Each structure stands twice: as structure tokens, then as C-alpha cells.
Amino acid sequence: MPAPTVASLTTGLNEKVAAADLIDDPPVIGGRPVTAAAAFADEQPALLRSPAVPFD
């Protein structure tokens, strides 16, 4: 798979990934009873927040 062409990795790539996420959210994956979006919404509260100090 070729690398995506974007003007900036920080904004252009993030925008492409966000757009792809919206396309991928509706389907049910592998016969699971919920959509990808619903599964993420259930899991999101358990995810760690980004650090207050940026990591290099």
C-alpha cells in the first residue's frame, strides 16, 4: 500500500485518518454485535489521556 500524500504530517495525515474513520465506523466487524463506532464509544473512557507535557 503506498504512503498517503499529504501537505503536512501533523494536519494533513490526521485529517485523512479522521475521514477514513468516519467511513469505517458504520460497519459491523467480524460478526460482532456492535459497530466499530459503538465499540470505540464504549472503550473510550478507559483510554489514557495525552500527556500534559509533549513527548519528543
C-alpha atoms as a PDB file:
ATOM      1  CA  MET A   1       0.000   0.000   0.000  1.00  0.00           C
ATOM      2  CA  PRO A   2       1.514   3.366  -0.944  1.00  0.00           C
ATOM      3  CA  ALA A   3       2.029   6.041   1.693  1.00  0.00           C
ATOM      4  CA  PRO A   4      -0.635   8.771   1.605  1.00  0.00           C
ATOM      5  CA  THR A   5       0.328  12.085   0.032  1.00  0.00           C
ATOM      6  CA  VAL A   6      -0.307  14.992   2.402  1.00  0.00           C
ATOM      7  CA  ALA A   7       0.982  18.541   2.768  1.00  0.00           C
ATOM      8  CA  SER A   8       1.706  18.102   6.487  1.00  0.00           C
ATOM      9  CA  LEU A   9       2.005  15.020   8.660  1.00  0.00           C
ATOM     10  CA  THR A  10       0.508  16.775  11.661  1.00  0.00           C
ATOM     11  CA  THR A  11      -2.616  18.131   9.995  1.00  0.00           C
ATOM     12  CA  GLY A  12      -2.942  16.557   6.554  1.00  0.00           C
ATOM     13  CA  LEU A  13      -2.421  12.990   7.733  1.00  0.00           C
ATOM     14  CA  ASN A  14      -4.651  13.454  10.789  1.00  0.00           C
ATOM     15  CA  GLU A  15      -7.431  14.790   8.548  1.00  0.00           C
ATOM     16  CA  LYS A  16      -7.122  11.805   6.187  1.00  0.00           C
ATOM     17  CA  VAL A  17      -7.214   9.353   9.097  1.00  0.00           C
ATOM     18  CA  ALA A  18     -10.239  11.123  10.636  1.00  0.00           C
ATOM     19  CA  ALA A  19     -12.078  10.983   7.306  1.00  0.00           C
ATOM     20  CA  ALA A  20     -11.275   7.279   6.929  1.00  0.00           C
ATOM     21  CA  ASP A  21     -12.502   6.649  10.478  1.00  0.00           C
ATOM     22  CA  LEU A  22     -15.879   8.150   9.616  1.00  0.00           C
ATOM     23  CA  ILE A  23     -16.140   5.816   6.629  1.00  0.00           C
ATOM     24  CA  ASP A  24     -15.152   2.773   8.728  1.00  0.00           C
ATOM     25  CA  ASP A  25     -17.388   3.484  11.746  1.00  0.00           C
ATOM     26  CA  PRO A  26     -20.727   2.140  10.476  1.00  0.00           C
ATOM     27  CA  PRO A  27     -19.814  -1.476   9.599  1.00  0.00           C
ATOM     28  CA  VAL A  28     -20.044  -4.367  11.997  1.00  0.00           C
ATOM     29  CA  ILE A  29     -16.678  -6.123  12.153  1.00  0.00           C
ATOM     30  CA  GLY A  30     -16.376  -9.903  12.059  1.00  0.00           C
ATOM     31  CA  GLY A  31     -19.953 -10.605  13.076  1.00  0.00           C
ATOM     32  CA  ARG A  32     -19.653  -8.673  16.328  1.00  0.00           C
ATOM     33  CA  PRO A  33     -22.966  -7.371  17.694  1.00  0.00           C
ATOM     34  CA  VAL A  34     -21.962  -3.672  17.604  1.00  0.00           C
ATOM     35  CA  THR A  35     -20.482  -1.269  15.060  1.00  0.00           C
ATOM     36  CA  ALA A  36     -16.879  -0.082  15.237  1.00  0.00           C
ATOM     37  CA  ALA A  37     -18.113   3.351  16.375  1.00  0.00           C
ATOM     38  CA  ALA A  38     -20.201   1.875  19.194  1.00  0.00           C
ATOM     39  CA  ALA A  39     -17.321  -0.335  20.357  1.00  0.00           C
ATOM     40  CA  PHE A  40     -14.975   2.670  20.400  1.00  0.00           C
ATOM     41  CA  ALA A  41     -17.510   4.771  22.337  1.00  0.00           C
ATOM     42  CA  ASP A  42     -17.682   2.027  24.991  1.00  0.00           C
ATOM     43  CA  GLU A  43     -13.892   1.780  25.229  1.00  0.00           C
ATOM     44  CA  GLN A  44     -13.026   5.481  25.029  1.00  0.00           C
ATOM     45  CA  PRO A  45     -13.464   6.282  28.768  1.00  0.00           C
ATOM     46  CA  ALA A  46     -10.803   3.674  29.615  1.00  0.00           C
ATOM     47  CA  LEU A  47      -8.199   5.135  27.233  1.00  0.00           C
ATOM     48  CA  LEU A  48      -5.348   7.195  28.637  1.00  0.00           C
ATOM     49  CA  ARG A  49      -5.336  10.929  28.054  1.00  0.00           C
ATOM     50  CA  SER A  50      -2.486  12.586  26.169  1.00  0.00           C
ATOM     51  CA  PRO A  51       0.332  13.706  28.458  1.00  0.00           C
ATOM     52  CA  ALA A  52       0.290  17.332  29.624  1.00  0.00           C
ATOM     53  CA  VAL A  53       3.921  17.705  28.552  1.00  0.00           C
ATOM     54  CA  PRO A  54       4.625  16.783  24.903  1.00  0.00           C
ATOM     55  CA  PHE A  55       6.843  13.765  24.357  1.00  0.00           C
ATOM     56  CA  ASP A  56       9.678  14.007  21.809  1.00  0.00           C
END
